[in-house]
Amino acid sequence: MTFQELHARATADNDLLVWTIYDHPADFPNLYVVRPHSSKYACPLDLHFAHTQLAVVRGALQHLGLTCLPRAESDPPAVLESWI
């Protein structure tokens, strides 16, 4: 399933996905990773996208028309930013 398909399905289901970019998390220490989280179901989805270049990950989210939110001080260290 593509980002666009997942985003469209969530929107049709009245779900807001929050996409979080992780900066080289422990499970992917050499990559930037984006994971969607469902606000309707209050859980992360079992899906991720990983790439060596941050610009590629951000570009995929920008393509969906999403807005970047900077990381909060209370976020785990690997969280770079979130997109809604």
PDB file of N, CA and C in Angstrom:
ATOM      1  N   MET A   1       0.840  -1.170   0.000  1.00  0.00           N
ATOM      2  CA  MET A   1       0.000   0.000   0.000  1.00  0.00           C
ATOM      3  C   MET A   1       0.895   1.247   0.000  1.00  0.00           C
ATOM      4  N   THR A   2       0.570   2.206  -0.811  1.00  0.00           N
ATOM      5  CA  THR A   2       1.362   3.437  -0.890  1.00  0.00           C
ATOM      6  C   THR A   2       0.950   4.409   0.217  1.00  0.00           C
ATOM      7  N   PHE A   3       1.784   5.411   0.444  1.00  0.00           N
ATOM      8  CA  PHE A   3       1.447   6.474   1.401  1.00  0.00           C
ATOM      9  C   PHE A   3       0.115   7.108   1.025  1.00  0.00           C
ATOM     10  N   GLN A   4      -0.072   7.376  -0.263  1.00  0.00           N
ATOM     11  CA  GLN A   4      -1.286   8.033  -0.725  1.00  0.00           C
ATOM     12  C   GLN A   4      -2.518   7.178  -0.432  1.00  0.00           C
ATOM     13  N   GLU A   5      -2.427   5.880  -0.687  1.00  0.00           N
ATOM     14  CA  GLU A   5      -3.546   4.976  -0.434  1.00  0.00           C
ATOM     15  C   GLU A   5      -3.859   4.900   1.057  1.00  0.00           C
ATOM     16  N   LEU A   6      -2.839   4.774   1.871  1.00  0.00           N
ATOM     17  CA  LEU A   6      -3.035   4.702   3.317  1.00  0.00           C
ATOM     18  C   LEU A   6      -3.653   5.994   3.844  1.00  0.00           C
ATOM     19  N   HIS A   7      -3.133   7.104   3.374  1.00  0.00           N
ATOM     20  CA  HIS A   7      -3.650   8.410   3.809  1.00  0.00           C
ATOM     21  C   HIS A   7      -5.109   8.583   3.379  1.00  0.00           C
ATOM     22  N   ALA A   8      -5.435   8.192   2.156  1.00  0.00           N
ATOM     23  CA  ALA A   8      -6.808   8.302   1.650  1.00  0.00           C
ATOM     24  C   ALA A   8      -7.760   7.400   2.439  1.00  0.00           C
ATOM     25  N   ARG A   9      -7.343   6.192   2.743  1.00  0.00           N
ATOM     26  CA  ARG A   9      -8.188   5.276   3.518  1.00  0.00           C
ATOM     27  C   ARG A   9      -8.434   5.822   4.919  1.00  0.00           C
ATOM     28  N   ALA A  10      -7.389   6.340   5.539  1.00  0.00           N
ATOM     29  CA  ALA A  10      -7.535   6.891   6.890  1.00  0.00           C
ATOM     30  C   ALA A  10      -8.494   8.078   6.878  1.00  0.00           C
ATOM     31  N   THR A  11      -8.341   8.950   5.892  1.00  0.00           N
ATOM     32  CA  THR A  11      -9.219  10.116   5.778  1.00  0.00           C
ATOM     33  C   THR A  11     -10.671   9.677   5.590  1.00  0.00           C
ATOM     34  N   ALA A  12     -10.900   8.691   4.750  1.00  0.00           N
ATOM     35  CA  ALA A  12     -12.252   8.181   4.516  1.00  0.00           C
ATOM     36  C   ALA A  12     -12.840   7.563   5.783  1.00  0.00           C
ATOM     37  N   ASP A  13     -11.974   7.077   6.659  1.00  0.00           N
ATOM     38  CA  ASP A  13     -12.391   6.449   7.915  1.00  0.00           C
ATOM     39  C   ASP A  13     -12.427   7.469   9.064  1.00  0.00           C
ATOM     40  N   ASN A  14     -12.328   8.761   8.735  1.00  0.00           N
ATOM     41  CA  ASN A  14     -12.292   9.831   9.743  1.00  0.00           C
ATOM     42  C   ASN A  14     -11.159   9.653  10.733  1.00  0.00           C
ATOM     43  N   ASP A  15     -10.039   9.189  10.244  1.00  0.00           N
ATOM     44  CA  ASP A  15      -8.842   8.992  11.065  1.00  0.00           C
ATOM     45  C   ASP A  15      -7.798  10.015  10.652  1.00  0.00           C
ATOM     46  N   LEU A  16      -7.147  10.592  11.617  1.00  0.00           N
ATOM     47  CA  LEU A  16      -6.037  11.506  11.357  1.00  0.00           C
ATOM     48  C   LEU A  16      -4.743  10.746  11.608  1.00  0.00           C
ATOM     49  N   LEU A  17      -3.935  10.617  10.571  1.00  0.00           N
ATOM     50  CA  LEU A  17      -2.642   9.973  10.741  1.00  0.00           C
ATOM     51  C   LEU A  17      -1.606  11.031  11.075  1.00  0.00           C
ATOM     52  N   VAL A  18      -0.793  10.727  12.057  1.00  0.00           N
ATOM     53  CA  VAL A  18       0.360  11.556  12.400  1.00  0.00           C
ATOM     54  C   VAL A  18       1.580  10.742  11.982  1.00  0.00           C
ATOM     55  N   TRP A  19       2.342  11.312  11.072  1.00  0.00           N
ATOM     56  CA  TRP A  19       3.521  10.633  10.523  1.00  0.00           C
ATOM     57  C   TRP A  19       4.750  11.149  11.268  1.00  0.00           C
ATOM     58  N   THR A  20       5.494  10.266  11.899  1.00  0.00           N
ATOM     59  CA  THR A  20       6.656  10.656  12.685  1.00  0.00           C
ATOM     60  C   THR A  20       7.930  10.196  11.985  1.00  0.00           C
ATOM     61  N   ILE A  21       8.865  11.142  11.853  1.00  0.00           N
ATOM     62  CA  ILE A  21      10.170  10.812  11.277  1.00  0.00           C
ATOM     63  C   ILE A  21      11.146  10.569  12.422  1.00  0.00           C
ATOM     64  N   TYR A  22      11.838   9.440  12.339  1.00  0.00           N
ATOM     65  CA  TYR A  22      12.843   9.059  13.323  1.00  0.00           C
ATOM     66  C   TYR A  22      14.229   9.179  12.696  1.00  0.00           C
ATOM     67  N   ASP A  23      15.146   9.727  13.440  1.00  0.00           N
ATOM     68  CA  ASP A  23      16.522   9.934  12.992  1.00  0.00           C
ATOM     69  C   ASP A  23      17.384   8.757  13.449  1.00  0.00           C
ATOM     70  N   HIS A  24      17.572   7.803  12.551  1.00  0.00           N
ATOM     71  CA  HIS A  24      18.400   6.631  12.811  1.00  0.00           C
ATOM     72  C   HIS A  24      17.994   5.918  14.108  1.00  0.00           C
ATOM     73  N   PRO A  25      16.745   5.406  14.166  1.00  0.00           N
ATOM     74  CA  PRO A  25      16.288   4.714  15.376  1.00  0.00           C
ATOM     75  C   PRO A  25      17.040   3.396  15.589  1.00  0.00           C
ATOM     76  N   ALA A  26      16.911   2.845  16.772  1.00  0.00           N
ATOM     77  CA  ALA A  26      17.653   1.630  17.129  1.00  0.00           C
ATOM     78  C   ALA A  26      17.393   0.473  16.170  1.00  0.00           C
ATOM     79  N   ASP A  27      16.152   0.345  15.654  1.00  0.00           N
ATOM     80  CA  ASP A  27      15.848  -0.771  14.751  1.00  0.00           C
ATOM     81  C   ASP A  27      16.315  -0.530  13.314  1.00  0.00           C
ATOM     82  N   PHE A  28      16.668   0.712  12.976  1.00  0.00           N
ATOM     83  CA  PHE A  28      17.216   1.060  11.664  1.00  0.00           C
ATOM     84  C   PHE A  28      18.334   2.091  11.867  1.00  0.00           C
ATOM     85  N   PRO A  29      19.461   1.695  12.434  1.00  0.00           N
ATOM     86  CA  PRO A  29      20.493   2.665  12.838  1.00  0.00           C
ATOM     87  C   PRO A  29      21.171   3.427  11.696  1.00  0.00           C
ATOM     88  N   ASN A  30      20.968   3.007  10.464  1.00  0.00           N
ATOM     89  CA  ASN A  30      21.610   3.684   9.332  1.00  0.00           C
ATOM     90  C   ASN A  30      20.628   4.448   8.449  1.00  0.00           C
ATOM     91  N   LEU A  31      19.391   4.609   8.913  1.00  0.00           N
ATOM     92  CA  LEU A  31      18.351   5.184   8.066  1.00  0.00           C
ATOM     93  C   LEU A  31      17.489   6.188   8.813  1.00  0.00           C
ATOM     94  N   TYR A  32      16.803   7.015   8.032  1.00  0.00           N
ATOM     95  CA  TYR A  32      15.699   7.830   8.538  1.00  0.00           C
ATOM     96  C   TYR A  32      14.437   7.002   8.310  1.00  0.00           C
ATOM     97  N   VAL A  33      13.550   6.989   9.279  1.00  0.00           N
ATOM     98  CA  VAL A  33      12.359   6.146   9.201  1.00  0.00           C
ATOM     99  C   VAL A  33      11.131   7.000   9.489  1.00  0.00           C
ATOM    100  N   VAL A  34      10.073   6.796   8.704  1.00  0.00           N
ATOM    101  CA  VAL A  34       8.792   7.449   8.983  1.00  0.00           C
ATOM    102  C   VAL A  34       7.767   6.367   9.285  1.00  0.00           C
ATOM    103  N   ARG A  35       6.999   6.619  10.361  1.00  0.00           N
ATOM    104  CA  ARG A  35       5.963   5.677  10.783  1.00  0.00           C
ATOM    105  C   ARG A  35       4.663   6.445  11.013  1.00  0.00           C
ATOM    106  N   PRO A  36       3.542   5.920  10.513  1.00  0.00           N
ATOM    107  CA  PRO A  36       2.254   6.570  10.763  1.00  0.00           C
ATOM    108  C   PRO A  36       1.647   6.089  12.078  1.00  0.00           C
ATOM    109  N   HIS A  37       0.972   7.009  12.748  1.00  0.00           N
ATOM    110  CA  HIS A  37       0.258   6.706  13.989  1.00  0.00           C
ATOM    111  C   HIS A  37      -1.189   7.142  13.803  1.00  0.00           C
ATOM    112  N   SER A  38      -2.106   6.275  14.179  1.00  0.00           N
ATOM    113  CA  SER A  38      -3.529   6.546  14.048  1.00  0.00           C
ATOM    114  C   SER A  38      -4.036   7.296  15.275  1.00  0.00           C
ATOM    115  N   SER A  39      -4.669   8.445  15.056  1.00  0.00           N
ATOM    116  CA  SER A  39      -5.260   9.165  16.185  1.00  0.00           C
ATOM    117  C   SER A  39      -6.601   8.538  16.574  1.00  0.00           C
ATOM    118  N   LYS A  40      -7.292   7.960  15.619  1.00  0.00           N
ATOM    119  CA  LYS A  40      -8.594   7.341  15.892  1.00  0.00           C
ATOM    120  C   LYS A  40      -8.440   6.097  16.765  1.00  0.00           C
ATOM    121  N   TYR A  41      -7.432   5.307  16.468  1.00  0.00           N
ATOM    122  CA  TYR A  41      -7.233   4.054  17.184  1.00  0.00           C
ATOM    123  C   TYR A  41      -6.115   4.145  18.230  1.00  0.00           C
ATOM    124  N   ALA A  42      -5.504   5.320  18.340  1.00  0.00           N
ATOM    125  CA  ALA A  42      -4.462   5.591  19.340  1.00  0.00           C
ATOM    126  C   ALA A  42      -3.343   4.544  19.329  1.00  0.00           C
ATOM    127  N   CYS A  43      -2.817   4.307  18.123  1.00  0.00           N
ATOM    128  CA  CYS A  43      -1.730   3.336  18.028  1.00  0.00           C
ATOM    129  C   CYS A  43      -0.921   3.578  16.755  1.00  0.00           C
ATOM    130  N   PRO A  44       0.323   3.113  16.763  1.00  0.00           N
ATOM    131  CA  PRO A  44       1.099   3.165  15.527  1.00  0.00           C
ATOM    132  C   PRO A  44       0.587   2.087  14.566  1.00  0.00           C
ATOM    133  N   LEU A  45       0.722   2.333  13.283  1.00  0.00           N
ATOM    134  CA  LEU A  45       0.348   1.334  12.286  1.00  0.00           C
ATOM    135  C   LEU A  45       1.559   0.484  11.957  1.00  0.00           C
ATOM    136  N   ASP A  46       1.317  -0.732  11.553  1.00  0.00           N
ATOM    137  CA  ASP A  46       2.407  -1.663  11.250  1.00  0.00           C
ATOM    138  C   ASP A  46       2.923  -1.406   9.837  1.00  0.00           C
ATOM    139  N   LEU A  47       3.567  -0.253   9.679  1.00  0.00           N
ATOM    140  CA  LEU A  47       4.068   0.173   8.379  1.00  0.00           C
ATOM    141  C   LEU A  47       5.183   1.176   8.614  1.00  0.00           C
ATOM    142  N   HIS A  48       6.166   1.161   7.759  1.00  0.00           N
ATOM    143  CA  HIS A  48       7.217   2.175   7.849  1.00  0.00           C
ATOM    144  C   HIS A  48       7.835   2.377   6.468  1.00  0.00           C
ATOM    145  N   PHE A  49       8.507   3.488   6.327  1.00  0.00           N
ATOM    146  CA  PHE A  49       9.260   3.807   5.126  1.00  0.00           C
ATOM    147  C   PHE A  49      10.618   4.281   5.598  1.00  0.00           C
ATOM    148  N   ALA A  50      11.669   3.744   5.027  1.00  0.00           N
ATOM    149  CA  ALA A  50      13.018   4.100   5.461  1.00  0.00           C
ATOM    150  C   ALA A  50      13.865   4.483   4.256  1.00  0.00           C
ATOM    151  N   HIS A  51      14.779   5.420   4.489  1.00  0.00           N
ATOM    152  CA  HIS A  51      15.675   5.868   3.428  1.00  0.00           C
ATOM    153  C   HIS A  51      16.929   6.464   4.058  1.00  0.00           C
ATOM    154  N   THR A  52      17.997   6.499   3.284  1.00  0.00           N
ATOM    155  CA  THR A  52      19.253   7.079   3.781  1.00  0.00           C
ATOM    156  C   THR A  52      19.237   8.597   3.760  1.00  0.00           C
ATOM    157  N   GLN A  53      18.338   9.190   2.954  1.00  0.00           N
ATOM    158  CA  GLN A  53      18.298  10.648   2.814  1.00  0.00           C
ATOM    159  C   GLN A  53      17.024  11.228   3.432  1.00  0.00           C
ATOM    160  N   LEU A  54      17.209  12.155   4.350  1.00  0.00           N
ATOM    161  CA  LEU A  54      16.089  12.809   5.011  1.00  0.00           C
ATOM    162  C   LEU A  54      15.203  13.531   4.000  1.00  0.00           C
ATOM    163  N   ALA A  55      15.790  14.128   2.982  1.00  0.00           N
ATOM    164  CA  ALA A  55      15.012  14.868   1.981  1.00  0.00           C
ATOM    165  C   ALA A  55      14.015  13.961   1.256  1.00  0.00           C
ATOM    166  N   VAL A  56      14.364  12.720   1.040  1.00  0.00           N
ATOM    167  CA  VAL A  56      13.465  11.782   0.369  1.00  0.00           C
ATOM    168  C   VAL A  56      12.268  11.465   1.270  1.00  0.00           C
ATOM    169  N   VAL A  57      12.537  11.244   2.553  1.00  0.00           N
ATOM    170  CA  VAL A  57      11.462  10.950   3.504  1.00  0.00           C
ATOM    171  C   VAL A  57      10.537  12.159   3.625  1.00  0.00           C
ATOM    172  N   ARG A  58      11.111  13.328   3.793  1.00  0.00           N
ATOM    173  CA  ARG A  58      10.295  14.547   3.888  1.00  0.00           C
ATOM    174  C   ARG A  58       9.503  14.782   2.606  1.00  0.00           C
ATOM    175  N   GLY A  59      10.112  14.535   1.472  1.00  0.00           N
ATOM    176  CA  GLY A  59       9.443  14.733   0.186  1.00  0.00           C
ATOM    177  C   GLY A  59       8.197  13.868   0.042  1.00  0.00           C
ATOM    178  N   ALA A  60       8.257  12.641   0.542  1.00  0.00           N
ATOM    179  CA  ALA A  60       7.093  11.754   0.484  1.00  0.00           C
ATOM    180  C   ALA A  60       5.937  12.325   1.295  1.00  0.00           C
ATOM    181  N   LEU A  61       6.246  12.939   2.428  1.00  0.00           N
ATOM    182  CA  LEU A  61       5.200  13.525   3.273  1.00  0.00           C
ATOM    183  C   LEU A  61       4.701  14.847   2.697  1.00  0.00           C
ATOM    184  N   GLN A  62       5.596  15.626   2.134  1.00  0.00           N
ATOM    185  CA  GLN A  62       5.191  16.875   1.493  1.00  0.00           C
ATOM    186  C   GLN A  62       4.255  16.590   0.327  1.00  0.00           C
ATOM    187  N   HIS A  63       4.504  15.498  -0.367  1.00  0.00           N
ATOM    188  CA  HIS A  63       3.677  15.105  -1.516  1.00  0.00           C
ATOM    189  C   HIS A  63       2.224  14.858  -1.090  1.00  0.00           C
ATOM    190  N   LEU A  64       2.022  14.488   0.177  1.00  0.00           N
ATOM    191  CA  LEU A  64       0.668  14.274   0.696  1.00  0.00           C
ATOM    192  C   LEU A  64       0.001  15.577   1.119  1.00  0.00           C
ATOM    193  N   GLY A  65       0.767  16.680   1.081  1.00  0.00           N
ATOM    194  CA  GLY A  65       0.219  17.966   1.488  1.00  0.00           C
ATOM    195  C   GLY A  65       0.208  18.162   2.989  1.00  0.00           C
ATOM    196  N   LEU A  66       1.053  17.430   3.688  1.00  0.00           N
ATOM    197  CA  LEU A  66       1.081  17.498   5.145  1.00  0.00           C
ATOM    198  C   LEU A  66       1.934  18.658   5.641  1.00  0.00           C
ATOM    199  N   THR A  67       1.756  18.980   6.921  1.00  0.00           N
ATOM    200  CA  THR A  67       2.476  20.074   7.571  1.00  0.00           C
ATOM    201  C   THR A  67       3.418  19.503   8.626  1.00  0.00           C
ATOM    202  N   CYS A  68       4.620  20.039   8.653  1.00  0.00           N
ATOM    203  CA  CYS A  68       5.637  19.570   9.602  1.00  0.00           C
ATOM    204  C   CYS A  68       5.472  20.257  10.956  1.00  0.00           C
ATOM    205  N   LEU A  69       5.551  19.446  12.006  1.00  0.00           N
ATOM    206  CA  LEU A  69       5.564  19.948  13.377  1.00  0.00           C
ATOM    207  C   LEU A  69       6.925  19.613  13.983  1.00  0.00           C
ATOM    208  N   PRO A  70       7.601  20.585  14.580  1.00  0.00           N
ATOM    209  CA  PRO A  70       8.919  20.298  15.159  1.00  0.00           C
ATOM    210  C   PRO A  70       8.798  19.346  16.347  1.00  0.00           C
ATOM    211  N   ARG A  71       9.883  18.701  16.652  1.00  0.00           N
ATOM    212  CA  ARG A  71       9.884  17.763  17.772  1.00  0.00           C
ATOM    213  C   ARG A  71       9.667  18.506  19.078  1.00  0.00           C
ATOM    214  N   ALA A  72       8.978  17.870  19.995  1.00  0.00           N
ATOM    215  CA  ALA A  72       8.755  18.420  21.328  1.00  0.00           C
ATOM    216  C   ALA A  72       9.866  17.934  22.254  1.00  0.00           C
ATOM    217  N   GLU A  73      10.168  18.699  23.265  1.00  0.00           N
ATOM    218  CA  GLU A  73      11.214  18.304  24.215  1.00  0.00           C
ATOM    219  C   GLU A  73      10.919  16.959  24.866  1.00  0.00           C
ATOM    220  N   SER A  74       9.644  16.624  25.000  1.00  0.00           N
ATOM    221  CA  SER A  74       9.256  15.369  25.652  1.00  0.00           C
ATOM    222  C   SER A  74       9.315  14.156  24.716  1.00  0.00           C
ATOM    223  N   ASP A  75       9.571  14.371  23.414  1.00  0.00           N
ATOM    224  CA  ASP A  75       9.670  13.267  22.462  1.00  0.00           C
ATOM    225  C   ASP A  75      10.902  12.420  22.751  1.00  0.00           C
ATOM    226  N   PRO A  76      10.838  11.135  22.408  1.00  0.00           N
ATOM    227  CA  PRO A  76      12.037  10.296  22.517  1.00  0.00           C
ATOM    228  C   PRO A  76      13.168  10.877  21.667  1.00  0.00           C
ATOM    229  N   PRO A  77      14.411  10.624  22.041  1.00  0.00           N
ATOM    230  CA  PRO A  77      15.555  11.226  21.330  1.00  0.00           C
ATOM    231  C   PRO A  77      15.590  10.957  19.825  1.00  0.00           C
ATOM    232  N   ALA A  78      15.111   9.824  19.384  1.00  0.00           N
ATOM    233  CA  ALA A  78      15.176   9.487  17.949  1.00  0.00           C
ATOM    234  C   ALA A  78      14.143  10.234  17.111  1.00  0.00           C
ATOM    235  N   VAL A  79      13.126  10.826  17.746  1.00  0.00           N
ATOM    236  CA  VAL A  79      12.095  11.543  16.983  1.00  0.00           C
ATOM    237  C   VAL A  79      12.678  12.848  16.456  1.00  0.00           C
ATOM    238  N   LEU A  80      12.578  13.027  15.157  1.00  0.00           N
ATOM    239  CA  LEU A  80      13.079  14.244  14.521  1.00  0.00           C
ATOM    240  C   LEU A  80      11.959  15.270  14.376  1.00  0.00           C
ATOM    241  N   GLU A  81      10.801  14.828  13.886  1.00  0.00           N
ATOM    242  CA  GLU A  81       9.651  15.713  13.667  1.00  0.00           C
ATOM    243  C   GLU A  81       8.435  14.862  13.349  1.00  0.00           C
ATOM    244  N   SER A  82       7.269  15.504  13.376  1.00  0.00           N
ATOM    245  CA  SER A  82       6.021  14.816  13.011  1.00  0.00           C
ATOM    246  C   SER A  82       5.309  15.639  11.953  1.00  0.00           C
ATOM    247  N   TRP A  83       4.451  14.971  11.180  1.00  0.00           N
ATOM    248  CA  TRP A  83       3.717  15.611  10.088  1.00  0.00           C
ATOM    249  C   TRP A  83       2.255  15.260  10.208  1.00  0.00           C
ATOM    250  N   ILE A  84       1.392  16.269  10.034  1.00  0.00           N
ATOM    251  CA  ILE A  84      -0.046  16.016  10.023  1.00  0.00           C
ATOM    252  C   ILE A  84      -0.656  16.706   8.808  1.00  0.00           C
TER     253      ILE A  84
END
